[in-house]
Amino acid sequence: MAEKDTTDNTGDVAGNFKDIVKDLFNIEVNTILRDNISAQKMPNPRHALLDIGSEYYEILRKMEISHRLFHCASLQENRTEEIEGDAEFGSVEFDDMRRKWGFYTQEEADEGTPGDKKVHLVVQSLVYDQLGGFAAFDIMRTWADKFLGDPFLADPKKRYLTDTQLSVLPRIRDNADMLKGMFIAMCRRDNKLKEKGLADEMKKKRGKELTPVTVVELSQKIDLEQTLMLTNQYTRSEIVSTENLSPLPLKDSELVLIRKVWEIGTEVIAMQTTIQVDGDVITRLNPNFMDDKESQYLRAYHNEGVRIALSYWGNLIAVAKELVLAIARGVSNKP
C-alpha cells in the first residue's frame, strides 16, 4: 500500500498566492490585430510552449529568408536563380546556423568544433522540432538579437524587414528570456536535482563561468532525463506518446506568464494601457493605427476593454485579499 503523502504544502500555496497578488498590482489591456481568430483555449502548458516556439520560429524563418535574399540580391543582382534557391530555409539551414552560434549536440561537440568556436549549450539532435524547450528558446533569443543588431536595419532604404517584423523582435527576445528564466527556476527548485548535488555544483561556478544557461547545463550533466522533462525539450509527438510524462511543475505566476505569451503571440499590438495600483496610467499607441478613420473603432474597443478591466480589478483584489487572509489564518493555527 502506498504511503500517504503528509507533506505540508501550505508554504508553497501561500507563495503562489503571493505571486498572484503581485500581478494584481497592475492591469494591462492590449488591443491586438489578428487575421485569423481560432477562439481556442490555451492547451496544456507543454503544448502551449510548443505553440509559442513554433510561432516564433516561423516568423524568424521568414525574416531569415528576407535577410538572405537581401544580401544575395545586393551582391548578385542579375543571378535570379541563385537568389531564389537561397530562399529555402529548413532543418539543415537551422542546424548550420545554431552551430555557428555555439549550440552543438553532444555528438557534434565530441567530434570537435572549429578552432574559434566554443560550445554555448549542448542541445538535443531534434532541437529543430523541440521548439517549446529551453534550448530552442535560447537559440531563438539569439536569433532575434542578431536581427536587432543588424546595422542594415538602421537605414530605412536598406531595411529588408517590415515594421511589423521589427516590432515583434524585442518581444521574441524578451519573452524567450523570461521563459528561459522559468525553466531555470524549475531546475533550481527540483528536489531530485537538489539531491544529486545541483546546488553544490553551482557553488563551484564563479565569475565568468556563471552564465544564464549554467543551471540547465549542470542539470543536464547531473540528470539528463530529469532536465529534459523540466525544460520541456520534447517534440509534440513525444509529448503525446510518452507515457507517464509528468506535468510541468509550474508556479501560478509561471502559468500566467505562459498564458500571456501564448495569447499575444507575434500579433500586432495596436494599443496598450497599463494601470498601476498607485494610480499611474500608461497608454501606448501604435502610430500605424492613429491616422486612419477606421482606427476610431479600435480606440473605442480599447477604451471599452479598459473600462471592463477596471470594473473587475477591484473584485479580483478583494478575492485575493480574502484568500491570502485565509492562508494566513491557516498558518497561524498550524500546530
Protein backbone atom coordinates (compact mmCIF):
# COMPACT_ATOMS: atom_id res chain seq x y z
CA MET A 1 0.00 0.00 0.00
CA ALA A 2 1.42 3.38 -0.98
CA GLU A 3 2.29 5.72 1.83
CA LYS A 4 0.08 8.73 2.28
CA ASP A 5 1.77 12.00 1.39
CA THR A 6 1.79 14.05 4.57
CA THR A 7 3.93 16.87 3.20
CA ASP A 8 2.72 20.29 4.33
CA ASN A 9 2.35 22.41 1.19
CA THR A 10 0.93 25.46 2.97
CA GLY A 11 4.07 27.48 2.34
CA ASP A 12 4.02 26.69 -1.39
CA VAL A 13 0.35 27.63 -1.66
CA ALA A 14 0.99 30.88 0.18
CA GLY A 15 3.89 31.65 -2.13
CA ASN A 16 1.76 31.04 -5.21
CA PHE A 17 -0.97 33.39 -3.98
CA LYS A 18 1.69 35.96 -3.13
CA ASP A 19 2.84 35.87 -6.76
CA ILE A 20 -0.74 36.32 -7.96
CA VAL A 21 -1.28 39.29 -5.67
CA LYS A 22 1.87 40.92 -7.07
CA ASP A 23 0.43 40.56 -10.57
CA LEU A 24 -2.79 42.21 -9.41
CA PHE A 25 -0.90 45.39 -8.51
CA ASN A 26 -1.33 46.42 -12.13
CA ILE A 27 -3.57 45.62 -15.06
CA GLU A 28 -2.67 45.56 -18.72
CA VAL A 29 -5.12 45.84 -21.59
CA ASN A 30 -3.91 45.04 -25.12
CA THR A 31 -5.83 45.55 -28.36
CA ILE A 32 -4.37 43.03 -30.80
CA LEU A 33 -4.89 42.74 -34.57
CA ARG A 34 -5.10 39.25 -35.96
CA ASP A 35 -6.23 37.97 -39.35
CA ASN A 36 -7.41 34.57 -38.17
CA ILE A 37 -9.06 34.12 -34.77
CA SER A 38 -9.15 30.49 -33.67
CA ALA A 39 -11.20 31.06 -30.48
CA GLN A 40 -9.30 28.20 -28.84
CA LYS A 41 -8.41 28.00 -25.19
CA MET A 42 -4.78 27.58 -24.26
CA PRO A 43 -3.81 23.88 -24.29
CA ASN A 44 -1.77 22.28 -21.52
CA PRO A 45 1.49 24.16 -20.83
CA ARG A 46 3.76 21.74 -22.70
CA HIS A 47 1.75 22.12 -25.89
CA ALA A 48 1.30 25.86 -25.31
CA LEU A 49 5.07 26.31 -25.14
CA LEU A 50 5.40 24.39 -28.40
CA ASP A 51 2.78 26.68 -29.96
CA ILE A 52 4.78 29.72 -28.83
CA GLY A 53 8.07 28.33 -30.09
CA SER A 54 6.57 27.29 -33.42
CA GLU A 55 5.09 30.75 -33.97
CA TYR A 56 8.38 32.44 -33.06
CA TYR A 57 10.32 30.09 -35.32
CA GLU A 58 8.03 30.69 -38.28
CA ILE A 59 8.31 34.49 -38.19
CA LEU A 60 12.09 34.30 -37.61
CA ARG A 61 12.40 31.87 -40.52
CA LYS A 62 10.60 34.34 -42.80
CA MET A 63 12.90 37.13 -41.58
CA GLU A 64 15.93 34.95 -42.28
CA ILE A 65 14.75 34.32 -45.84
CA SER A 66 14.29 38.08 -46.35
CA HIS A 67 17.76 38.66 -44.90
CA ARG A 68 19.38 36.14 -47.23
CA LEU A 69 17.51 37.42 -50.25
CA PHE A 70 18.52 40.99 -49.44
CA HIS A 71 22.21 40.21 -49.09
CA CYS A 72 22.21 37.87 -52.07
CA ALA A 73 20.49 40.49 -54.24
CA SER A 74 22.99 43.12 -53.09
CA LEU A 75 25.90 41.00 -54.24
CA GLN A 76 24.38 39.25 -57.25
CA GLU A 77 21.65 41.42 -58.70
CA ASN A 78 21.47 39.58 -62.01
CA ARG A 79 21.62 35.99 -60.72
CA THR A 80 17.94 35.39 -60.00
CA GLU A 81 18.17 31.58 -59.90
CA GLU A 82 20.70 31.63 -57.08
CA ILE A 83 18.63 34.21 -55.19
CA GLU A 84 15.51 32.07 -55.39
CA GLY A 85 17.43 28.98 -54.33
CA ASP A 86 18.80 30.79 -51.31
CA ALA A 87 15.26 31.47 -50.09
CA GLU A 88 14.94 27.93 -48.76
CA PHE A 89 15.33 27.60 -45.02
CA GLY A 90 14.71 24.31 -43.25
CA SER A 91 16.28 21.97 -40.72
CA VAL A 92 19.67 21.88 -42.48
CA GLU A 93 20.00 25.67 -42.52
CA PHE A 94 18.74 25.85 -38.94
CA ASP A 95 21.39 23.38 -37.78
CA ASP A 96 24.13 25.26 -39.63
CA MET A 97 23.01 28.49 -38.01
CA ARG A 98 22.80 27.16 -34.44
CA ARG A 99 26.27 25.62 -34.70
CA LYS A 100 27.59 29.00 -35.82
CA TRP A 101 26.29 30.42 -32.53
CA GLY A 102 27.70 27.62 -30.38
CA PHE A 103 24.69 25.33 -29.99
CA TYR A 104 26.03 21.81 -30.59
CA THR A 105 24.66 18.36 -29.94
CA GLN A 106 26.82 16.14 -27.74
CA GLU A 107 27.86 14.12 -30.79
CA GLU A 108 28.89 17.27 -32.68
CA ALA A 109 30.81 18.57 -29.68
CA ASP A 110 32.62 15.24 -29.29
CA GLU A 111 33.67 15.40 -32.93
CA GLY A 112 35.23 18.78 -32.26
CA THR A 113 34.22 22.37 -33.01
CA PRO A 114 36.06 24.86 -35.24
CA GLY A 115 39.06 26.42 -33.52
CA ASP A 116 37.36 29.75 -32.86
CA LYS A 117 34.05 28.25 -31.65
CA LYS A 118 33.02 27.33 -28.13
CA VAL A 119 30.04 25.27 -27.06
CA HIS A 120 27.46 27.68 -25.65
CA LEU A 121 24.96 24.92 -24.85
CA VAL A 122 24.66 21.22 -25.60
CA VAL A 123 21.31 20.62 -27.35
CA GLN A 124 19.34 17.58 -28.42
CA SER A 125 19.61 16.33 -32.00
CA LEU A 126 15.87 17.03 -32.52
CA VAL A 127 16.06 20.62 -31.25
CA TYR A 128 14.66 21.78 -34.61
CA ASP A 129 11.36 20.10 -33.63
CA GLN A 130 11.60 20.72 -29.87
CA LEU A 131 10.57 24.33 -30.22
CA GLY A 132 8.87 24.57 -26.83
CA GLY A 133 12.01 23.76 -24.83
CA PHE A 134 14.80 25.68 -23.18
CA ALA A 135 17.40 25.13 -25.91
CA ALA A 136 15.06 26.22 -28.72
CA PHE A 137 14.10 29.41 -26.88
CA ASP A 138 17.78 30.11 -26.22
CA ILE A 139 18.53 29.73 -29.94
CA MET A 140 15.57 31.91 -30.97
CA ARG A 141 16.53 34.53 -28.42
CA THR A 142 19.99 34.68 -30.02
CA TRP A 143 18.39 34.74 -33.47
CA ALA A 144 16.16 37.72 -32.63
CA ASP A 145 19.08 39.55 -31.04
CA LYS A 146 21.16 39.10 -34.20
CA PHE A 147 18.45 40.78 -36.25
CA LEU A 148 18.16 43.62 -33.75
CA GLY A 149 21.90 44.22 -34.04
CA ASP A 150 21.98 44.25 -37.85
CA PRO A 151 23.26 47.71 -38.92
CA PHE A 152 21.34 47.50 -42.23
CA LEU A 153 18.04 47.76 -40.34
CA ALA A 154 19.02 51.21 -39.07
CA ASP A 155 18.83 52.54 -42.64
CA PRO A 156 15.23 52.83 -43.94
CA LYS A 157 16.48 52.39 -47.50
CA LYS A 158 18.16 49.08 -46.69
CA ARG A 159 15.59 47.54 -44.39
CA TYR A 160 14.63 44.08 -45.52
CA LEU A 161 12.10 43.58 -42.67
CA THR A 162 8.63 45.10 -42.35
CA ASP A 163 7.65 47.40 -39.49
CA THR A 164 5.58 44.58 -38.03
CA GLN A 165 8.53 42.18 -38.09
CA LEU A 166 10.80 44.78 -36.50
CA SER A 167 8.28 45.47 -33.75
CA VAL A 168 7.98 41.81 -32.76
CA LEU A 169 11.73 41.13 -32.45
CA PRO A 170 12.16 42.69 -28.97
CA ARG A 171 9.08 40.74 -27.83
CA ILE A 172 10.57 37.45 -29.02
CA ARG A 173 13.91 38.19 -27.37
CA ASP A 174 12.43 39.32 -24.05
CA ASN A 175 9.79 36.60 -23.83
CA ALA A 176 12.36 33.93 -24.68
CA ASP A 177 14.50 35.27 -21.83
CA MET A 178 11.57 35.09 -19.40
CA LEU A 179 10.67 31.55 -20.46
CA LYS A 180 14.30 30.51 -20.10
CA GLY A 181 14.27 32.00 -16.61
CA MET A 182 11.15 29.96 -15.82
CA PHE A 183 12.86 26.72 -16.90
CA ILE A 184 15.96 27.63 -14.88
CA ALA A 185 13.83 28.26 -11.78
CA MET A 186 12.16 24.86 -12.13
CA CYS A 187 15.55 23.15 -12.31
CA ARG A 188 16.83 25.02 -9.26
CA ARG A 189 13.87 24.05 -7.07
CA ASP A 190 13.63 20.44 -8.27
CA ASN A 191 14.20 18.09 -5.34
CA LYS A 192 15.68 15.32 -7.49
CA LEU A 193 18.37 17.62 -8.88
CA LYS A 194 18.99 19.07 -5.43
CA GLU A 195 19.60 15.60 -4.02
CA LYS A 196 22.08 14.91 -6.80
CA GLY A 197 24.12 17.99 -5.89
CA LEU A 198 22.99 20.77 -8.23
CA ALA A 199 23.43 23.42 -5.54
CA ASP A 200 26.96 22.20 -4.77
CA GLU A 201 27.90 22.29 -8.45
CA MET A 202 26.51 25.81 -8.69
CA LYS A 203 28.70 26.97 -5.81
CA LYS A 204 31.78 25.84 -7.71
CA LYS A 205 30.97 28.25 -10.53
CA ARG A 206 32.20 31.80 -10.11
CA GLY A 207 32.56 34.95 -12.19
CA LYS A 208 32.58 34.43 -15.94
CA GLU A 209 31.76 30.74 -15.56
CA LEU A 210 28.33 31.63 -14.15
CA THR A 211 26.10 32.32 -17.17
CA PRO A 212 22.30 32.30 -17.63
CA VAL A 213 22.50 28.74 -19.00
CA THR A 214 24.76 27.39 -16.23
CA VAL A 215 21.90 25.84 -14.23
CA VAL A 216 20.49 23.95 -17.22
CA GLU A 217 23.97 22.96 -18.40
CA LEU A 218 24.83 21.50 -14.98
CA SER A 219 21.40 19.91 -14.61
CA GLN A 220 21.84 18.09 -17.92
CA LYS A 221 25.16 16.65 -16.71
CA ILE A 222 23.66 15.57 -13.39
CA ASP A 223 20.43 14.01 -14.73
CA LEU A 224 19.69 14.48 -18.42
CA GLU A 225 16.23 12.87 -18.48
CA GLN A 226 15.01 14.87 -15.49
CA THR A 227 16.30 18.08 -17.03
CA LEU A 228 14.65 17.35 -20.38
CA MET A 229 11.37 16.81 -18.53
CA LEU A 230 11.69 20.06 -16.57
CA THR A 231 12.75 22.12 -19.59
CA ASN A 232 10.15 20.64 -21.97
CA GLN A 233 12.68 19.50 -24.56
CA TYR A 234 10.34 17.20 -26.47
CA THR A 235 8.72 17.16 -29.88
CA ARG A 236 4.94 17.33 -29.99
CA SER A 237 4.69 13.66 -30.88
CA GLU A 238 6.91 12.78 -27.90
CA ILE A 239 4.65 14.76 -25.57
CA VAL A 240 1.59 12.94 -26.91
CA SER A 241 3.09 9.45 -26.99
CA THR A 242 5.31 9.42 -23.88
CA GLU A 243 3.53 7.54 -21.10
CA ASN A 244 3.51 8.96 -17.58
CA LEU A 245 5.09 12.26 -18.65
CA SER A 246 4.79 14.47 -15.60
CA PRO A 247 3.11 17.88 -15.95
CA LEU A 248 5.46 20.84 -15.78
CA PRO A 249 5.87 21.82 -12.09
CA LEU A 250 4.77 25.39 -12.65
CA LYS A 251 4.03 28.08 -10.11
CA ASP A 252 0.83 30.03 -10.68
CA SER A 253 2.83 33.07 -11.79
CA GLU A 254 4.69 30.94 -14.35
CA LEU A 255 1.43 29.61 -15.75
CA VAL A 256 0.22 33.20 -16.07
CA LEU A 257 3.42 34.04 -17.95
CA ILE A 258 2.91 31.18 -20.43
CA ARG A 259 -0.72 32.15 -20.92
CA LYS A 260 0.10 35.79 -21.66
CA VAL A 261 2.92 34.94 -24.08
CA TRP A 262 0.69 32.36 -25.79
CA GLU A 263 -2.24 34.78 -26.10
CA ILE A 264 -0.22 37.66 -27.59
CA GLY A 265 2.00 35.54 -29.85
CA THR A 266 3.52 37.58 -32.67
CA GLU A 267 0.43 39.63 -33.42
CA VAL A 268 0.37 43.39 -33.89
CA ILE A 269 -0.43 45.28 -30.69
CA ALA A 270 -2.33 48.36 -31.82
CA MET A 271 -2.90 49.82 -28.35
CA GLN A 272 -1.83 49.02 -24.81
CA THR A 273 -2.86 50.52 -21.48
CA THR A 274 -1.30 49.65 -18.13
CA ILE A 275 -2.70 50.90 -14.84
CA GLN A 276 -0.65 50.71 -11.64
CA VAL A 277 -2.11 50.33 -8.16
CA ASP A 278 -0.76 53.79 -7.23
CA GLY A 279 -2.88 55.38 -9.97
CA ASP A 280 -0.31 55.74 -12.77
CA VAL A 281 -1.85 55.13 -16.19
CA ILE A 282 0.33 54.50 -19.24
CA THR A 283 -1.14 54.17 -22.73
CA ARG A 284 1.00 53.11 -25.70
CA LEU A 285 -0.32 53.71 -29.21
CA ASN A 286 0.94 52.17 -32.43
CA PRO A 287 1.32 55.15 -34.83
CA ASN A 288 0.29 52.95 -37.75
CA PHE A 289 -3.25 52.89 -36.35
CA MET A 290 -3.72 56.51 -35.37
CA ASP A 291 -4.42 58.38 -38.61
CA ASP A 292 -6.86 56.12 -40.40
CA LYS A 293 -10.53 56.90 -39.78
CA GLU A 294 -11.14 53.23 -39.13
CA SER A 295 -8.81 53.47 -36.13
CA GLN A 296 -11.51 55.31 -34.21
CA TYR A 297 -13.28 51.96 -33.85
CA LEU A 298 -10.11 50.41 -32.48
CA ARG A 299 -9.83 53.20 -29.93
CA ALA A 300 -13.46 52.69 -28.93
CA TYR A 301 -12.93 48.93 -28.49
CA HIS A 302 -9.76 49.56 -26.49
CA ASN A 303 -11.41 52.08 -24.20
CA GLU A 304 -14.26 49.66 -23.55
CA GLY A 305 -11.72 46.95 -22.69
CA VAL A 306 -10.05 49.26 -20.19
CA ARG A 307 -13.43 50.10 -18.62
CA ILE A 308 -14.34 46.42 -18.23
CA ALA A 309 -10.91 45.58 -16.82
CA LEU A 310 -11.20 48.32 -14.21
CA SER A 311 -14.65 47.14 -13.16
CA TYR A 312 -13.30 43.66 -12.40
CA TRP A 313 -10.00 44.76 -10.91
CA GLY A 314 -11.41 45.77 -7.56
CA ASN A 315 -13.32 42.49 -7.24
CA LEU A 316 -10.21 40.44 -8.05
CA ILE A 317 -8.14 42.27 -5.45
CA ALA A 318 -10.87 41.68 -2.85
CA VAL A 319 -10.94 37.95 -3.63
CA ALA A 320 -7.13 37.71 -3.49
CA LYS A 321 -7.15 39.52 -0.15
CA GLU A 322 -9.60 37.02 1.34
CA LEU A 323 -7.59 34.06 0.03
CA VAL A 324 -4.33 35.37 1.48
CA LEU A 325 -6.02 36.09 4.82
CA ALA A 326 -7.44 32.56 4.84
CA ILE A 327 -3.98 31.11 4.23
CA ALA A 328 -2.53 33.31 6.97
CA ARG A 329 -5.18 32.10 9.40
CA GLY A 330 -4.38 28.51 8.45
CA VAL A 331 -0.67 29.06 9.08
CA SER A 332 -1.29 30.76 12.43
CA ASN A 333 -3.48 27.85 13.57
CA LYS A 334 -0.92 25.26 12.47
CA PRO A 335 0.12 23.11 15.47
